[in-house]
């Protein structure tokens, strides 16, 4: 069984809110894909070099599955140009959603937002702002220092999350609320109007 199959099976067995939202959206005229293909990417120089184990990537993959996605990854890459390459490969690979964890801070080596901006066609600042605001509201002032971006690249939703398990959990709690709707809109869907099919 592939990682994608296992993630899809985990999401199905969980009967998660993401799948329920997908069913509601399709019933309400959603035009996006029935199954969201997602890729989790961990950005970490040390994890990519085998210095320590990736901890946030597996959490991200699990939460994407719980949100109703068929998930590949986590793919672990060092920061910098490899992030841009991984994002471009994911776009070419037909994913609907790509979420990264790591590389969003203030150190000179944190370049994930810069690499992400190179591939985005349109930014969605509200997602990134909501993720930061939720972290601050949860009592983590440093959440406001995250420079993570969110946006669309050739119709693929790309979101940067912080490189900690807590940051991933907090970020996915926000992203899961709009994930299906964002992908539907990227594929030409309309806003729901009082539950009436457009």
Protein backbone atom coordinates (compact mmCIF):
# COMPACT_ATOMS: atom_id res chain seq x y z
CA UNK A 1 0.00 0.00 0.00
CA UNK A 2 1.37 3.43 -0.94
CA UNK A 3 1.60 6.34 1.47
CA UNK A 4 -1.18 8.02 -0.49
CA UNK A 5 -3.43 4.95 -0.23
CA UNK A 6 -2.75 4.65 3.49
CA UNK A 7 -3.53 8.33 4.06
CA UNK A 8 -6.74 8.09 2.07
CA UNK A 9 -7.76 4.99 4.04
CA UNK A 10 -6.97 6.74 7.33
CA UNK A 11 -9.06 9.75 6.30
CA UNK A 12 -11.95 7.50 5.27
CA UNK A 13 -11.88 5.50 8.50
CA UNK A 14 -11.81 8.70 10.53
CA UNK A 15 -15.02 9.90 8.87
CA UNK A 16 -13.53 13.33 9.40
CA UNK A 17 -15.07 16.73 9.07
CA UNK A 18 -13.11 17.33 5.87
CA UNK A 19 -14.95 14.52 4.10
CA UNK A 20 -18.29 15.70 5.47
CA UNK A 21 -17.50 19.19 4.18
CA UNK A 22 -16.60 17.73 0.79
CA UNK A 23 -19.96 15.98 0.61
CA UNK A 24 -21.77 19.18 1.57
CA UNK A 25 -19.86 21.17 -1.04
CA UNK A 26 -20.63 18.68 -3.81
CA UNK A 27 -24.29 18.70 -2.78
CA UNK A 28 -24.20 22.49 -2.87
CA UNK A 29 -22.68 22.69 -6.34
CA UNK A 30 -18.95 22.47 -5.56
CA UNK A 31 -16.93 22.07 -8.74
CA UNK A 32 -13.60 20.97 -7.31
CA UNK A 33 -12.14 17.47 -7.33
CA UNK A 34 -13.99 14.79 -5.36
CA UNK A 35 -10.73 13.76 -3.66
CA UNK A 36 -8.13 16.35 -2.77
CA UNK A 37 -4.56 15.20 -3.51
CA UNK A 38 -2.25 16.83 -0.98
CA UNK A 39 1.50 16.87 -0.49
CA UNK A 40 3.13 17.60 2.88
CA UNK A 41 6.62 19.10 2.68
CA UNK A 42 8.99 19.54 5.61
CA UNK A 43 11.57 22.27 5.14
CA UNK A 44 14.55 21.62 7.40
CA UNK A 45 18.27 21.62 6.68
CA UNK A 46 19.00 19.37 9.66
CA UNK A 47 16.19 16.89 9.05
CA UNK A 48 17.14 16.71 5.36
CA UNK A 49 20.72 15.95 6.40
CA UNK A 50 19.60 13.24 8.85
CA UNK A 51 20.81 15.18 11.89
CA UNK A 52 17.44 14.78 13.58
CA UNK A 53 14.08 13.22 12.89
CA UNK A 54 11.33 15.16 11.18
CA UNK A 55 8.57 15.63 13.76
CA UNK A 56 6.25 18.22 12.25
CA UNK A 57 5.91 16.58 8.81
CA UNK A 58 4.17 13.40 10.00
CA UNK A 59 1.76 15.53 12.07
CA UNK A 60 1.00 17.63 9.00
CA UNK A 61 0.38 14.55 6.84
CA UNK A 62 -1.97 13.09 9.45
CA UNK A 63 -3.96 16.30 9.80
CA UNK A 64 -4.29 16.68 6.02
CA UNK A 65 -5.67 13.14 5.91
CA UNK A 66 -8.11 13.95 8.69
CA UNK A 67 -9.21 16.96 6.62
CA UNK A 68 -10.25 14.56 3.87
CA UNK A 69 -7.15 14.62 1.64
CA UNK A 70 -5.28 11.76 0.00
CA UNK A 71 -1.79 12.61 1.24
CA UNK A 72 1.73 12.01 0.01
CA UNK A 73 4.75 12.82 2.15
CA UNK A 74 6.13 14.24 4.19
CA UNK A 75 8.79 15.06 1.65
CA UNK A 76 11.81 16.47 3.52
CA UNK A 77 13.90 19.10 1.75
CA UNK A 78 16.52 21.65 2.85
CA UNK A 79 15.59 25.32 2.79
CA UNK A 80 16.33 27.53 -0.18
CA UNK A 81 16.19 26.51 -3.85
CA UNK A 82 15.09 22.90 -3.10
CA UNK A 83 11.81 24.31 -1.73
CA UNK A 84 11.05 26.05 -5.01
CA UNK A 85 11.93 22.88 -6.93
CA UNK A 86 9.69 20.74 -4.70
CA UNK A 87 6.77 23.15 -5.14
CA UNK A 88 7.16 23.23 -8.92
CA UNK A 89 7.35 19.43 -9.02
CA UNK A 90 4.17 19.23 -6.92
CA UNK A 91 2.34 21.58 -9.28
CA UNK A 92 3.43 19.51 -12.27
CA UNK A 93 2.48 16.34 -10.37
CA UNK A 94 -1.20 17.23 -10.22
CA UNK A 95 -1.61 17.95 -6.52
CA UNK A 96 -4.49 20.16 -5.43
CA UNK A 97 -2.95 21.23 -2.10
CA UNK A 98 0.65 21.60 -0.94
CA UNK A 99 1.37 22.51 2.67
CA UNK A 100 4.89 23.15 3.94
CA UNK A 101 6.15 23.15 7.51
CA UNK A 102 9.32 25.02 8.43
CA UNK A 103 11.51 27.81 7.12
CA UNK A 104 9.08 30.66 7.88
CA UNK A 105 10.99 32.40 10.67
CA UNK A 106 13.44 35.28 10.85
CA UNK A 107 16.83 33.55 10.70
CA UNK A 108 18.93 34.17 7.59
CA UNK A 109 18.36 30.58 6.47
CA UNK A 110 14.55 30.77 6.64
CA UNK A 111 13.71 31.23 2.97
CA UNK A 112 10.49 29.25 2.49
CA UNK A 113 8.29 32.34 1.94
CA UNK A 114 10.73 33.73 -0.64
CA UNK A 115 10.82 30.40 -2.50
CA UNK A 116 7.04 30.10 -2.30
CA UNK A 117 6.47 33.61 -3.66
CA UNK A 118 8.48 32.67 -6.76
CA UNK A 119 5.88 30.07 -7.76
CA UNK A 120 2.63 31.77 -6.68
CA UNK A 121 0.35 33.35 -9.26
CA UNK A 122 -1.91 34.92 -6.63
CA UNK A 123 -1.48 35.31 -2.90
CA UNK A 124 -4.32 34.64 -0.42
CA UNK A 125 -3.21 36.83 2.48
CA UNK A 126 -6.30 36.12 4.57
CA UNK A 127 -5.28 32.49 5.16
CA UNK A 128 -1.79 33.40 6.37
CA UNK A 129 -3.15 36.26 8.49
CA UNK A 130 -5.77 34.01 10.09
CA UNK A 131 -3.16 31.37 10.92
CA UNK A 132 -0.92 33.95 12.60
CA UNK A 133 -3.84 35.52 14.47
CA UNK A 134 -5.01 32.13 15.75
CA UNK A 135 -1.55 31.41 17.12
CA UNK A 136 -1.38 34.73 18.92
CA UNK A 137 -4.92 34.25 20.28
CA UNK A 138 -3.84 30.83 21.59
CA UNK A 139 -1.20 32.54 23.73
CA UNK A 140 1.82 32.17 21.45
CA UNK A 141 3.06 35.72 20.74
CA UNK A 142 5.88 34.42 18.52
CA UNK A 143 3.24 33.27 16.01
CA UNK A 144 3.16 36.85 14.70
CA UNK A 145 6.79 36.42 13.60
CA UNK A 146 5.95 33.71 11.08
CA UNK A 147 6.33 34.97 7.52
CA UNK A 148 4.39 32.10 5.97
CA UNK A 149 2.44 32.73 2.77
CA UNK A 150 -0.64 31.21 1.19
CA UNK A 151 -1.72 31.41 -2.41
CA UNK A 152 -2.46 29.73 -5.71
CA UNK A 153 0.00 28.48 -8.31
CA UNK A 154 -1.63 27.12 -11.48
CA UNK A 155 -4.73 26.39 -9.42
CA UNK A 156 -2.80 24.57 -6.67
CA UNK A 157 -3.34 25.83 -3.12
CA UNK A 158 0.01 26.32 -1.36
CA UNK A 159 0.25 27.19 2.34
CA UNK A 160 3.34 27.68 4.53
CA UNK A 161 3.09 26.65 8.19
CA UNK A 162 5.60 27.05 11.00
CA UNK A 163 8.16 24.32 11.63
CA UNK A 164 6.84 22.95 14.92
CA UNK A 165 4.24 20.35 15.78
CA UNK A 166 2.22 22.98 17.65
CA UNK A 167 2.44 25.40 14.75
CA UNK A 168 1.25 22.70 12.37
CA UNK A 169 -1.68 21.78 14.61
CA UNK A 170 -2.73 25.40 15.05
CA UNK A 171 -2.31 26.18 11.37
CA UNK A 172 -4.22 23.14 10.18
CA UNK A 173 -7.07 23.91 12.60
CA UNK A 174 -7.54 27.14 10.63
CA UNK A 175 -6.78 25.79 7.15
CA UNK A 176 -9.11 22.80 7.47
CA UNK A 177 -12.07 25.17 7.82
CA UNK A 178 -11.60 26.58 4.30
CA UNK A 179 -9.56 23.92 2.52
CA UNK A 180 -12.32 22.37 0.40
CA UNK A 181 -13.96 25.70 -0.39
CA UNK A 182 -10.63 27.24 -1.45
CA UNK A 183 -9.88 24.37 -3.84
CA UNK A 184 -13.43 24.48 -5.22
CA UNK A 185 -13.06 28.19 -5.93
CA UNK A 186 -9.66 27.64 -7.55
CA UNK A 187 -11.45 25.23 -9.92
CA UNK A 188 -14.16 27.71 -10.81
CA UNK A 189 -16.66 27.12 -8.02
CA UNK A 190 -18.92 29.84 -6.68
CA UNK A 191 -19.66 30.93 -3.13
CA UNK A 192 -22.44 28.90 -1.50
CA UNK A 193 -25.70 30.85 -1.40
CA UNK A 194 -27.83 29.82 1.55
CA UNK A 195 -27.49 26.12 0.73
CA UNK A 196 -29.18 26.58 -2.65
CA UNK A 197 -27.44 24.91 -5.58
CA UNK A 198 -26.29 27.65 -8.00
